[in-house]
């Protein structure tokens, strides 16, 4: 019987998953599983949140950084 109450069983399962899927694929699978669970929870509860605040803030910082880099490149080529 597979009981996941023993930490050794969990470690063994993680090693097997790492060997089967690889280190690159596991984070992608985790993100996909998390977003699916989040979407399911929002569908069940009826919430309609468009994007988490953390992602929105990170995106605005990235856009500011990209616009600064584009402005610097334009000034460099204009001179």
PDB file of N, CA and C in Angstrom:
ATOM      1  N   UNK A   1       0.842  -1.173   0.000  1.00  0.00           N
ATOM      2  CA  UNK A   1       0.000   0.000   0.000  1.00  0.00           C
ATOM      3  C   UNK A   1       0.888   1.237   0.000  1.00  0.00           C
ATOM      4  N   UNK A   2       0.580   2.209  -0.835  1.00  0.00           N
ATOM      5  CA  UNK A   2       1.376   3.421  -0.933  1.00  0.00           C
ATOM      6  C   UNK A   2       0.794   4.480  -0.004  1.00  0.00           C
ATOM      7  N   UNK A   3       1.479   4.712   1.081  1.00  0.00           N
ATOM      8  CA  UNK A   3       1.060   5.749   2.009  1.00  0.00           C
ATOM      9  C   UNK A   3       1.998   6.934   1.897  1.00  0.00           C
ATOM     10  N   UNK A   4       1.460   8.113   1.635  1.00  0.00           N
ATOM     11  CA  UNK A   4       2.304   9.289   1.473  1.00  0.00           C
ATOM     12  C   UNK A   4       2.541  10.006   2.805  1.00  0.00           C
ATOM     13  N   UNK A   5       2.310   9.316   3.903  1.00  0.00           N
ATOM     14  CA  UNK A   5       2.559   9.913   5.204  1.00  0.00           C
ATOM     15  C   UNK A   5       4.032   9.795   5.604  1.00  0.00           C
ATOM     16  N   UNK A   6       4.763   8.945   4.932  1.00  0.00           N
ATOM     17  CA  UNK A   6       6.182   8.758   5.217  1.00  0.00           C
ATOM     18  C   UNK A   6       7.005   9.682   4.308  1.00  0.00           C
ATOM     19  N   UNK A   7       7.884  10.511   4.862  1.00  0.00           N
ATOM     20  CA  UNK A   7       8.688  11.424   4.033  1.00  0.00           C
ATOM     21  C   UNK A   7       9.572  10.695   3.020  1.00  0.00           C
ATOM     22  N   UNK A   8       9.981   9.467   3.327  1.00  0.00           N
ATOM     23  CA  UNK A   8      10.797   8.698   2.402  1.00  0.00           C
ATOM     24  C   UNK A   8      10.009   8.344   1.141  1.00  0.00           C
ATOM     25  N   UNK A   9       8.732   8.058   1.282  1.00  0.00           N
ATOM     26  CA  UNK A   9       7.888   7.759   0.128  1.00  0.00           C
ATOM     27  C   UNK A   9       7.745   8.984  -0.774  1.00  0.00           C
ATOM     28  N   UNK A  10       7.570  10.157  -0.165  1.00  0.00           N
ATOM     29  CA  UNK A  10       7.444  11.391  -0.946  1.00  0.00           C
ATOM     30  C   UNK A  10       8.746  11.677  -1.680  1.00  0.00           C
ATOM     31  N   UNK A  11       9.886  11.509  -1.013  1.00  0.00           N
ATOM     32  CA  UNK A  11      11.185  11.729  -1.639  1.00  0.00           C
ATOM     33  C   UNK A  11      11.396  10.758  -2.797  1.00  0.00           C
ATOM     34  N   UNK A  12      11.043   9.512  -2.609  1.00  0.00           N
ATOM     35  CA  UNK A  12      11.176   8.513  -3.669  1.00  0.00           C
ATOM     36  C   UNK A  12      10.298   8.871  -4.865  1.00  0.00           C
ATOM     37  N   UNK A  13       9.088   9.310  -4.612  1.00  0.00           N
ATOM     38  CA  UNK A  13       8.184   9.708  -5.679  1.00  0.00           C
ATOM     39  C   UNK A  13       8.738  10.910  -6.440  1.00  0.00           C
ATOM     40  N   UNK A  14       9.309  11.885  -5.742  1.00  0.00           N
ATOM     41  CA  UNK A  14       9.896  13.054  -6.390  1.00  0.00           C
ATOM     42  C   UNK A  14      11.097  12.683  -7.255  1.00  0.00           C
ATOM     43  N   UNK A  15      11.917  11.745  -6.796  1.00  0.00           N
ATOM     44  CA  UNK A  15      13.068  11.302  -7.580  1.00  0.00           C
ATOM     45  C   UNK A  15      12.595  10.612  -8.861  1.00  0.00           C
ATOM     46  N   UNK A  16      11.593   9.782  -8.755  1.00  0.00           N
ATOM     47  CA  UNK A  16      11.046   9.104  -9.935  1.00  0.00           C
ATOM     48  C   UNK A  16      10.482  10.120 -10.924  1.00  0.00           C
ATOM     49  N   UNK A  17       9.739  11.124 -10.427  1.00  0.00           N
ATOM     50  CA  UNK A  17       9.197  12.164 -11.305  1.00  0.00           C
ATOM     51  C   UNK A  17      10.313  12.948 -11.990  1.00  0.00           C
ATOM     52  N   UNK A  18      11.366  13.239 -11.258  1.00  0.00           N
ATOM     53  CA  UNK A  18      12.499  13.962 -11.819  1.00  0.00           C
ATOM     54  C   UNK A  18      13.176  13.156 -12.919  1.00  0.00           C
ATOM     55  N   UNK A  19      13.317  11.867 -12.704  1.00  0.00           N
ATOM     56  CA  UNK A  19      13.936  11.016 -13.722  1.00  0.00           C
ATOM     57  C   UNK A  19      13.064  10.863 -14.960  1.00  0.00           C
ATOM     58  N   UNK A  20      11.760  10.783 -14.777  1.00  0.00           N
ATOM     59  CA  UNK A  20      10.855  10.562 -15.903  1.00  0.00           C
ATOM     60  C   UNK A  20      10.662  11.839 -16.718  1.00  0.00           C
ATOM     61  N   UNK A  21      10.399  12.958 -16.050  1.00  0.00           N
ATOM     62  CA  UNK A  21      10.055  14.185 -16.763  1.00  0.00           C
ATOM     63  C   UNK A  21      11.235  15.138 -16.957  1.00  0.00           C
ATOM     64  N   UNK A  22      12.238  15.092 -16.120  1.00  0.00           N
ATOM     65  CA  UNK A  22      13.381  15.979 -16.248  1.00  0.00           C
ATOM     66  C   UNK A  22      13.205  17.254 -15.451  1.00  0.00           C
ATOM     67  N   UNK A  23      14.332  17.908 -15.195  1.00  0.00           N
ATOM     68  CA  UNK A  23      14.322  19.111 -14.356  1.00  0.00           C
ATOM     69  C   UNK A  23      13.681  20.297 -15.064  1.00  0.00           C
ATOM     70  N   UNK A  24      13.747  20.347 -16.376  1.00  0.00           N
ATOM     71  CA  UNK A  24      13.180  21.475 -17.111  1.00  0.00           C
ATOM     72  C   UNK A  24      11.658  21.409 -17.171  1.00  0.00           C
ATOM     73  N   UNK A  25      11.127  20.236 -17.277  1.00  0.00           N
ATOM     74  CA  UNK A  25       9.684  20.062 -17.473  1.00  0.00           C
ATOM     75  C   UNK A  25       8.882  20.158 -16.169  1.00  0.00           C
ATOM     76  N   UNK A  26       9.471  19.799 -15.042  1.00  0.00           N
ATOM     77  CA  UNK A  26       8.719  19.785 -13.776  1.00  0.00           C
ATOM     78  C   UNK A  26       8.175  21.159 -13.371  1.00  0.00           C
ATOM     79  N   UNK A  27       8.953  22.267 -13.426  1.00  0.00           N
ATOM     80  CA  UNK A  27       8.362  23.563 -13.074  1.00  0.00           C
ATOM     81  C   UNK A  27       7.215  23.964 -14.000  1.00  0.00           C
ATOM     82  N   UNK A  28       7.342  23.644 -15.278  1.00  0.00           N
ATOM     83  CA  UNK A  28       6.266  23.947 -16.221  1.00  0.00           C
ATOM     84  C   UNK A  28       4.994  23.194 -15.846  1.00  0.00           C
ATOM     85  N   UNK A  29       5.152  21.928 -15.484  1.00  0.00           N
ATOM     86  CA  UNK A  29       4.000  21.123 -15.092  1.00  0.00           C
ATOM     87  C   UNK A  29       3.378  21.659 -13.807  1.00  0.00           C
ATOM     88  N   UNK A  30       4.207  22.096 -12.874  1.00  0.00           N
ATOM     89  CA  UNK A  30       3.699  22.660 -11.622  1.00  0.00           C
ATOM     90  C   UNK A  30       2.910  23.929 -11.860  1.00  0.00           C
ATOM     91  N   UNK A  31       3.445  24.817 -12.725  1.00  0.00           N
ATOM     92  CA  UNK A  31       2.731  26.055 -13.040  1.00  0.00           C
ATOM     93  C   UNK A  31       1.407  25.758 -13.719  1.00  0.00           C
ATOM     94  N   UNK A  32       1.427  24.816 -14.636  1.00  0.00           N
ATOM     95  CA  UNK A  32       0.212  24.459 -15.355  1.00  0.00           C
ATOM     96  C   UNK A  32      -0.837  23.876 -14.410  1.00  0.00           C
ATOM     97  N   UNK A  33      -0.392  23.011 -13.528  1.00  0.00           N
ATOM     98  CA  UNK A  33      -1.312  22.420 -12.550  1.00  0.00           C
ATOM     99  C   UNK A  33      -1.876  23.493 -11.620  1.00  0.00           C
ATOM    100  N   UNK A  34      -1.028  24.406 -11.174  1.00  0.00           N
ATOM    101  CA  UNK A  34      -1.476  25.483 -10.286  1.00  0.00           C
ATOM    102  C   UNK A  34      -2.476  26.407 -10.951  1.00  0.00           C
ATOM    103  N   UNK A  35      -2.203  26.783 -12.208  1.00  0.00           N
ATOM    104  CA  UNK A  35      -3.142  27.670 -12.895  1.00  0.00           C
ATOM    105  C   UNK A  35      -4.463  26.953 -13.175  1.00  0.00           C
ATOM    106  N   UNK A  36      -4.404  25.666 -13.461  1.00  0.00           N
ATOM    107  CA  UNK A  36      -5.637  24.903 -13.666  1.00  0.00           C
ATOM    108  C   UNK A  36      -6.471  24.817 -12.397  1.00  0.00           C
ATOM    109  N   UNK A  37      -5.796  24.569 -11.281  1.00  0.00           N
ATOM    110  CA  UNK A  37      -6.512  24.506 -10.004  1.00  0.00           C
ATOM    111  C   UNK A  37      -7.093  25.871  -9.639  1.00  0.00           C
ATOM    112  N   UNK A  38      -6.335  26.942  -9.912  1.00  0.00           N
ATOM    113  CA  UNK A  38      -6.818  28.295  -9.623  1.00  0.00           C
ATOM    114  C   UNK A  38      -8.034  28.619 -10.476  1.00  0.00           C
ATOM    115  N   UNK A  39      -7.974  28.258 -11.762  1.00  0.00           N
ATOM    116  CA  UNK A  39      -9.115  28.494 -12.646  1.00  0.00           C
ATOM    117  C   UNK A  39     -10.337  27.702 -12.231  1.00  0.00           C
ATOM    118  N   UNK A  40     -10.118  26.463 -11.815  1.00  0.00           N
ATOM    119  CA  UNK A  40     -11.238  25.635 -11.351  1.00  0.00           C
ATOM    120  C   UNK A  40     -11.864  26.234 -10.097  1.00  0.00           C
ATOM    121  N   UNK A  41     -11.023  26.691  -9.164  1.00  0.00           N
ATOM    122  CA  UNK A  41     -11.528  27.284  -7.922  1.00  0.00           C
ATOM    123  C   UNK A  41     -12.325  28.555  -8.224  1.00  0.00           C
ATOM    124  N   UNK A  42     -11.816  29.392  -9.143  1.00  0.00           N
ATOM    125  CA  UNK A  42     -12.536  30.614  -9.496  1.00  0.00           C
ATOM    126  C   UNK A  42     -13.853  30.300 -10.201  1.00  0.00           C
ATOM    127  N   UNK A  43     -13.872  29.257 -11.019  1.00  0.00           N
ATOM    128  CA  UNK A  43     -15.110  28.882 -11.714  1.00  0.00           C
ATOM    129  C   UNK A  43     -16.149  28.373 -10.724  1.00  0.00           C
ATOM    130  N   UNK A  44     -15.711  27.632  -9.724  1.00  0.00           N
ATOM    131  CA  UNK A  44     -16.640  27.098  -8.726  1.00  0.00           C
ATOM    132  C   UNK A  44     -17.184  28.206  -7.831  1.00  0.00           C
ATOM    133  N   UNK A  45     -16.292  29.130  -7.403  1.00  0.00           N
ATOM    134  CA  UNK A  45     -16.729  30.174  -6.473  1.00  0.00           C
ATOM    135  C   UNK A  45     -17.388  31.347  -7.185  1.00  0.00           C
ATOM    136  N   UNK A  46     -17.232  31.464  -8.493  1.00  0.00           N
ATOM    137  CA  UNK A  46     -17.865  32.532  -9.243  1.00  0.00           C
ATOM    138  C   UNK A  46     -17.051  33.812  -9.269  1.00  0.00           C
ATOM    139  N   UNK A  47     -15.799  33.778  -8.826  1.00  0.00           N
ATOM    140  CA  UNK A  47     -14.954  34.968  -8.854  1.00  0.00           C
ATOM    141  C   UNK A  47     -14.499  35.219 -10.290  1.00  0.00           C
ATOM    142  N   UNK A  48     -14.352  36.491 -10.634  1.00  0.00           N
ATOM    143  CA  UNK A  48     -13.870  36.842 -11.968  1.00  0.00           C
ATOM    144  C   UNK A  48     -12.698  37.810 -11.848  1.00  0.00           C
ATOM    145  N   UNK A  49     -11.590  37.328 -11.365  1.00  0.00           N
ATOM    146  CA  UNK A  49     -10.383  38.142 -11.234  1.00  0.00           C
ATOM    147  C   UNK A  49      -9.592  37.999 -12.527  1.00  0.00           C
ATOM    148  N   UNK A  50      -9.274  39.124 -13.159  1.00  0.00           N
ATOM    149  CA  UNK A  50      -8.603  39.053 -14.460  1.00  0.00           C
ATOM    150  C   UNK A  50      -7.141  38.669 -14.331  1.00  0.00           C
ATOM    151  N   UNK A  51      -6.392  39.279 -13.415  1.00  0.00           N
ATOM    152  CA  UNK A  51      -4.984  38.934 -13.239  1.00  0.00           C
ATOM    153  C   UNK A  51      -4.581  39.250 -11.806  1.00  0.00           C
ATOM    154  N   UNK A  52      -3.773  38.407 -11.205  1.00  0.00           N
ATOM    155  CA  UNK A  52      -3.303  38.695  -9.861  1.00  0.00           C
ATOM    156  C   UNK A  52      -2.481  39.976  -9.830  1.00  0.00           C
ATOM    157  N   UNK A  53      -2.496  40.672  -8.710  1.00  0.00           N
ATOM    158  CA  UNK A  53      -1.798  41.947  -8.569  1.00  0.00           C
ATOM    159  C   UNK A  53      -0.299  41.789  -8.744  1.00  0.00           C
ATOM    160  N   UNK A  54       0.245  40.669  -8.322  1.00  0.00           N
ATOM    161  CA  UNK A  54       1.688  40.447  -8.440  1.00  0.00           C
ATOM    162  C   UNK A  54       2.113  40.430  -9.903  1.00  0.00           C
ATOM    163  N   UNK A  55       1.340  39.755 -10.740  1.00  0.00           N
ATOM    164  CA  UNK A  55       1.680  39.672 -12.152  1.00  0.00           C
ATOM    165  C   UNK A  55       1.526  41.027 -12.830  1.00  0.00           C
ATOM    166  N   UNK A  56       0.520  41.787 -12.452  1.00  0.00           N
ATOM    167  CA  UNK A  56       0.302  43.099 -13.038  1.00  0.00           C
ATOM    168  C   UNK A  56       1.447  44.033 -12.690  1.00  0.00           C
ATOM    169  N   UNK A  57       1.894  44.012 -11.438  1.00  0.00           N
ATOM    170  CA  UNK A  57       3.002  44.867 -11.016  1.00  0.00           C
ATOM    171  C   UNK A  57       4.287  44.468 -11.721  1.00  0.00           C
ATOM    172  N   UNK A  58       4.542  43.185 -11.851  1.00  0.00           N
ATOM    173  CA  UNK A  58       5.747  42.716 -12.532  1.00  0.00           C
ATOM    174  C   UNK A  58       5.726  43.103 -14.002  1.00  0.00           C
ATOM    175  N   UNK A  59       4.574  43.029 -14.628  1.00  0.00           N
ATOM    176  CA  UNK A  59       4.468  43.389 -16.039  1.00  0.00           C
ATOM    177  C   UNK A  59       4.714  44.875 -16.244  1.00  0.00           C
ATOM    178  N   UNK A  60       4.213  45.729 -15.341  1.00  0.00           N
ATOM    179  CA  UNK A  60       4.423  47.164 -15.494  1.00  0.00           C
ATOM    180  C   UNK A  60       5.889  47.520 -15.314  1.00  0.00           C
ATOM    181  N   UNK A  61       6.595  46.850 -14.406  1.00  0.00           N
ATOM    182  CA  UNK A  61       8.023  47.089 -14.222  1.00  0.00           C
ATOM    183  C   UNK A  61       8.778  46.671 -15.476  1.00  0.00           C
ATOM    184  N   UNK A  62       8.403  45.546 -16.069  1.00  0.00           N
ATOM    185  CA  UNK A  62       9.072  45.071 -17.272  1.00  0.00           C
ATOM    186  C   UNK A  62       8.838  46.030 -18.427  1.00  0.00           C
ATOM    187  N   UNK A  63       7.632  46.559 -18.574  1.00  0.00           N
ATOM    188  CA  UNK A  63       7.321  47.493 -19.647  1.00  0.00           C
ATOM    189  C   UNK A  63       8.132  48.771 -19.473  1.00  0.00           C
ATOM    190  N   UNK A  64       8.247  49.265 -18.240  1.00  0.00           N
ATOM    191  CA  UNK A  64       9.050  50.462 -17.988  1.00  0.00           C
ATOM    192  C   UNK A  64      10.507  50.216 -18.360  1.00  0.00           C
ATOM    193  N   UNK A  65      11.015  49.053 -18.007  1.00  0.00           N
ATOM    194  CA  UNK A  65      12.404  48.721 -18.316  1.00  0.00           C
ATOM    195  C   UNK A  65      12.619  48.642 -19.825  1.00  0.00           C
ATOM    196  N   UNK A  66      11.682  48.046 -20.533  1.00  0.00           N
ATOM    197  CA  UNK A  66      11.806  47.922 -21.981  1.00  0.00           C
ATOM    198  C   UNK A  66      11.716  49.284 -22.665  1.00  0.00           C
ATOM    199  N   UNK A  67      10.846  50.175 -22.165  1.00  0.00           N
ATOM    200  CA  UNK A  67      10.727  51.490 -22.780  1.00  0.00           C
ATOM    201  C   UNK A  67      11.986  52.315 -22.526  1.00  0.00           C
ATOM    202  N   UNK A  68      12.609  52.180 -21.349  1.00  0.00           N
ATOM    203  CA  UNK A  68      13.866  52.867 -21.070  1.00  0.00           C
ATOM    204  C   UNK A  68      14.962  52.375 -22.004  1.00  0.00           C
ATOM    205  N   UNK A  69      15.039  51.071 -22.199  1.00  0.00           N
ATOM    206  CA  UNK A  69      16.053  50.494 -23.085  1.00  0.00           C
ATOM    207  C   UNK A  69      15.827  50.938 -24.526  1.00  0.00           C
ATOM    208  N   UNK A  70      14.581  51.012 -24.966  1.00  0.00           N
ATOM    209  CA  UNK A  70      14.273  51.442 -26.325  1.00  0.00           C
ATOM    210  C   UNK A  70      14.634  52.911 -26.507  1.00  0.00           C
ATOM    211  N   UNK A  71      14.367  53.730 -25.500  1.00  0.00           N
ATOM    212  CA  UNK A  71      14.726  55.154 -25.569  1.00  0.00           C
ATOM    213  C   UNK A  71      16.217  55.364 -25.640  1.00  0.00           C
ATOM    214  N   UNK A  72      16.964  54.579 -24.884  1.00  0.00           N
ATOM    215  CA  UNK A  72      18.428  54.684 -24.911  1.00  0.00           C
ATOM    216  C   UNK A  72      18.960  54.267 -26.271  1.00  0.00           C
ATOM    217  N   UNK A  73      18.410  53.202 -26.844  1.00  0.00           N
ATOM    218  CA  UNK A  73      18.855  52.744 -28.151  1.00  0.00           C
ATOM    219  C   UNK A  73      18.535  53.783 -29.218  1.00  0.00           C
ATOM    220  N   UNK A  74      17.384  54.423 -29.138  1.00  0.00           N
ATOM    221  CA  UNK A  74      17.010  55.447 -30.117  1.00  0.00           C
ATOM    222  C   UNK A  74      17.940  56.649 -30.021  1.00  0.00           C
ATOM    223  N   UNK A  75      18.281  57.058 -28.809  1.00  0.00           N
ATOM    224  CA  UNK A  75      19.205  58.188 -28.643  1.00  0.00           C
ATOM    225  C   UNK A  75      20.598  57.844 -29.169  1.00  0.00           C
ATOM    226  N   UNK A  76      21.009  56.605 -28.975  1.00  0.00           N
ATOM    227  CA  UNK A  76      22.331  56.171 -29.409  1.00  0.00           C
ATOM    228  C   UNK A  76      22.422  56.198 -30.936  1.00  0.00           C
ATOM    229  N   UNK A  77      21.367  55.735 -31.611  1.00  0.00           N
ATOM    230  CA  UNK A  77      21.402  55.693 -33.072  1.00  0.00           C
ATOM    231  C   UNK A  77      21.127  57.055 -33.698  1.00  0.00           C
ATOM    232  N   UNK A  78      20.452  57.939 -32.989  1.00  0.00           N
ATOM    233  CA  UNK A  78      20.158  59.281 -33.509  1.00  0.00           C
ATOM    234  C   UNK A  78      21.408  60.158 -33.455  1.00  0.00           C
ATOM    235  N   UNK A  79      22.303  59.873 -32.549  1.00  0.00           N
ATOM    236  CA  UNK A  79      23.499  60.720 -32.400  1.00  0.00           C
ATOM    237  C   UNK A  79      24.572  60.416 -33.399  1.00  0.00           C
TER     238      UNK A  79
END
